[in-house]
Protein backbone atom coordinates (compact mmCIF):
# COMPACT_ATOMS: atom_id res chain seq x y z
CA MET A 1 -27.07 81.55 -21.48
CA ARG A 2 -27.45 78.60 -19.37
CA THR A 3 -25.55 75.84 -20.05
CA MET A 4 -26.82 72.87 -19.36
CA LYS A 5 -24.84 70.16 -17.26
CA PRO A 6 -24.78 66.86 -18.97
CA GLN A 7 -26.51 64.35 -16.79
CA SER A 8 -25.56 60.92 -15.72
CA SER A 9 -27.83 57.88 -16.67
CA ARG A 10 -28.31 55.10 -13.56
CA PHE A 11 -27.57 52.73 -16.46
CA THR A 12 -24.64 53.55 -17.16
CA VAL A 13 -21.84 51.09 -16.56
CA PRO A 14 -17.98 51.37 -16.85
CA SER A 15 -17.10 49.33 -19.74
CA TRP A 16 -14.41 47.17 -17.87
CA LEU A 17 -17.60 45.81 -16.20
CA LYS A 18 -19.83 45.45 -19.15
CA TRP A 19 -17.06 43.34 -20.84
CA THR A 20 -16.29 41.09 -18.12
CA PHE A 21 -20.46 40.18 -17.68
CA ILE A 22 -20.34 39.63 -21.49
CA ILE A 23 -17.15 37.45 -21.73
CA ALA A 24 -18.42 35.55 -18.20
CA GLY A 25 -21.82 35.02 -20.49
CA VAL A 26 -19.89 33.52 -22.84
CA LEU A 27 -18.23 31.50 -20.88
CA LEU A 28 -20.74 30.05 -19.18
CA LEU A 29 -22.60 29.16 -22.14
CA LEU A 30 -20.01 27.56 -23.76
CA SER A 31 -19.52 25.60 -20.49
CA GLY A 32 -22.92 24.57 -20.62
CA ALA A 33 -22.96 23.35 -24.06
CA LEU A 34 -19.94 21.10 -22.91
CA VAL A 35 -21.93 19.38 -20.32
CA VAL A 36 -24.92 18.89 -22.45
CA TRP A 37 -22.58 17.25 -25.13
CA MET A 38 -20.79 15.03 -22.37
CA TYR A 39 -23.87 13.61 -21.51
CA VAL A 40 -25.16 13.03 -24.57
CA SER A 41 -22.37 11.31 -25.76
CA ILE A 42 -21.62 9.44 -22.73
CA ASN A 43 -25.31 8.32 -22.04
CA LYS A 44 -25.16 6.98 -25.70
CA ASP A 45 -21.73 4.89 -25.18
CA LEU A 46 -23.73 3.41 -22.05
CA HIS A 47 -26.26 2.32 -24.38
CA ALA A 48 -24.58 1.17 -27.47
CA GLY A 49 -25.60 -2.25 -28.44
CA GLU A 50 -28.68 -2.36 -26.55
CA ASP A 51 -30.56 -2.77 -29.90
CA ALA A 52 -28.64 -4.93 -31.80
CA ALA A 53 -28.96 -7.76 -28.70
CA ARG A 54 -32.66 -6.82 -29.07
CA LYS A 55 -32.49 -8.02 -32.56
CA MET A 56 -30.35 -11.09 -31.86
CA ALA A 57 -32.19 -12.00 -28.72
CA LEU A 58 -35.59 -11.94 -30.98
CA ASN A 59 -34.24 -13.66 -34.08
CA ARG A 60 -31.93 -16.42 -32.39
CA THR A 61 -33.95 -17.39 -28.96
CA GLU A 62 -37.36 -18.39 -27.96
CA ILE A 63 -37.93 -14.67 -26.89
CA ALA A 64 -40.97 -13.08 -28.51
CA THR A 65 -41.25 -10.23 -26.88
CA VAL A 66 -38.35 -8.27 -24.98
CA GLU A 67 -38.96 -6.40 -21.66
CA GLU A 68 -36.13 -4.90 -20.73
CA VAL A 69 -31.87 -4.96 -21.61
CA SER A 70 -29.17 -4.23 -19.24
CA ILE A 71 -25.46 -4.57 -19.58
CA TYR A 72 -23.05 -5.92 -17.67
CA HIS A 73 -19.19 -5.49 -17.45
CA GLY A 74 -17.39 -8.44 -16.21
CA LYS A 75 -14.55 -9.97 -18.16
CA SER A 76 -16.29 -8.96 -21.02
CA ARG A 77 -19.19 -6.63 -21.75
CA VAL A 78 -22.20 -8.98 -21.68
CA HIS A 79 -26.02 -7.76 -22.83
CA ILE A 80 -28.65 -9.34 -20.72
CA VAL A 81 -32.05 -9.27 -22.71
CA LYS A 82 -34.98 -9.97 -20.15
CA GLY A 83 -38.18 -10.88 -21.73
CA LYS A 84 -40.80 -13.63 -22.72
CA ASN A 85 -41.75 -16.54 -24.72
CA GLN A 86 -44.61 -16.95 -26.76
CA ASP A 87 -46.16 -18.94 -23.94
CA GLY A 88 -45.96 -16.21 -21.63
CA LYS A 89 -42.80 -17.72 -19.80
CA ASP A 90 -39.99 -15.26 -18.66
CA GLY A 91 -36.39 -16.01 -20.05
CA LEU A 92 -33.06 -14.37 -19.91
CA VAL A 93 -30.61 -14.41 -22.82
CA PHE A 94 -26.85 -13.20 -21.89
CA ILE A 95 -24.97 -12.43 -25.23
CA ASP A 96 -21.70 -11.30 -26.11
CA LEU A 97 -21.95 -9.06 -29.09
CA SER A 98 -18.10 -8.55 -29.79
CA LYS A 99 -18.10 -12.08 -30.61
CA ASN A 100 -21.53 -12.06 -31.96
CA GLU A 101 -22.82 -15.14 -30.07
CA ILE A 102 -25.59 -15.98 -27.50
CA LEU A 103 -23.46 -17.23 -24.14
CA ASN A 104 -26.50 -18.77 -22.15
CA GLU A 105 -29.92 -18.81 -22.58
CA GLN A 106 -32.40 -19.61 -19.85
CA MET A 107 -35.96 -19.94 -20.61
CA ASN A 108 -38.53 -21.14 -18.14
CA LEU A 109 -36.48 -20.47 -15.06
CA GLU A 110 -37.12 -20.92 -11.36
CA MET A 111 -35.39 -18.33 -10.19
CA ILE A 112 -35.32 -16.69 -7.13
CA THR A 113 -36.82 -12.59 -7.25
CA GLU A 114 -34.30 -9.73 -6.57
CA SER A 115 -36.67 -9.23 -3.80
CA LYS A 116 -36.37 -12.55 -2.04
CA LEU A 117 -32.59 -12.77 -2.78
CA ARG A 118 -32.38 -9.37 -0.89
CA GLN A 119 -34.55 -10.66 2.05
CA SER A 120 -32.26 -13.58 2.37
CA TRP A 121 -28.79 -11.25 1.60
CA ARG A 122 -30.21 -9.26 4.67
CA ALA A 123 -30.82 -11.95 7.10
CA ASP A 124 -26.87 -12.85 6.36
CA CYS A 125 -25.92 -9.58 6.75
CA GLN A 126 -28.09 -7.43 8.97
CA ASN A 127 -25.58 -4.58 9.51
CA CYS A 128 -24.48 -3.92 6.06
CA THR A 129 -25.51 -1.13 3.66
CA PHE A 130 -27.19 -2.47 0.53
CA LYS A 131 -25.97 -0.56 -2.44
CA ASN A 132 -27.25 -2.66 -5.82
CA ILE A 133 -28.59 -5.51 -6.98
CA GLN A 134 -27.97 -6.97 -11.08
CA LEU A 135 -27.91 -9.49 -13.03
CA GLY A 136 -24.36 -10.76 -14.48
CA TYR A 137 -22.53 -13.23 -16.07
CA GLU A 138 -19.45 -14.64 -14.00
CA GLU A 139 -17.15 -17.50 -15.14
CA GLU A 140 -19.73 -18.80 -17.95
CA ASN A 141 -22.84 -18.53 -15.46
CA PRO A 142 -25.65 -16.10 -15.02
CA VAL A 143 -25.86 -14.81 -11.60
CA TYR A 144 -26.89 -12.27 -9.29
CA GLU A 145 -24.33 -9.46 -8.47
CA ILE A 146 -25.30 -7.54 -4.85
CA THR A 147 -23.07 -4.67 -4.03
CA TYR A 148 -22.97 -3.81 -0.57
CA VAL A 149 -20.39 -1.81 2.16
CA ASP A 150 -20.25 -4.62 4.71
CA THR A 151 -19.47 -3.77 9.00
CA GLN A 152 -15.21 -3.51 8.37
CA ASN A 153 -16.51 -0.62 5.78
CA ARG A 154 -15.75 -2.46 2.62
CA TYR A 155 -17.06 -2.70 -0.65
CA VAL A 156 -18.04 -5.81 -1.35
CA PHE A 157 -19.29 -7.33 -4.36
CA ASP A 158 -21.08 -10.84 -3.79
CA TYR A 159 -22.46 -13.22 -6.41
CA PHE A 160 -25.40 -15.37 -6.11
CA ASN A 161 -26.68 -18.45 -8.71
CA LEU A 162 -30.09 -17.30 -10.46
CA ASN A 163 -31.64 -19.78 -7.81
CA GLY A 164 -30.35 -18.10 -4.93
CA GLU A 165 -27.74 -20.08 -3.69
CA ARG A 166 -24.26 -18.00 -3.18
CA PHE A 167 -21.64 -18.65 -5.64
CA ASP A 168 -17.97 -19.40 -5.03
CA GLN A 169 -17.04 -15.87 -5.54
CA ARG A 170 -16.55 -12.66 -4.02
CA PHE A 171 -14.89 -9.03 -3.75
CA ALA A 172 -14.35 -6.88 -1.44
CA PHE A 173 -12.39 -3.35 -1.68
CA LYS A 174 -11.10 -1.48 1.50
CA GLN A 175 -12.45 2.03 1.35
CA ASN A 176 -9.81 5.11 2.37
């Protein structure tokens, strides 16, 4: 009688290797779930209050349609609602939701566009690296905030009135 030798399969894997892959897969799955949860949570906090600011602007100001809601983090958190009134004229409303008050309302305002302000800034600071431009609210005034890196490698926050005139505030931070 001939005894058969057990044949090994090409797909037989040592049990320690199998468990290593299972544990690594579970850890990868859990870390992926944690990243997704953190992203959703942070994004929700980032846009908190936008609906309330939109409703307040529509109910308590001349704004009839809202185009954009942004948030400026200065001395306090200020929601900036950009929209149009019944006549189609542009308007801005600056709202502090923590105090439930409208800080400033700018309707039918002659304001410089972001692109023109950037061109004007570029003429003054030719070798600077532009980062960002946004609406803000400093010292109870609506302003533009331009962020850039200057020729001395400082990270700079420069402020301009809505008509394009330089505002008397500027912050420069040395980068390490």
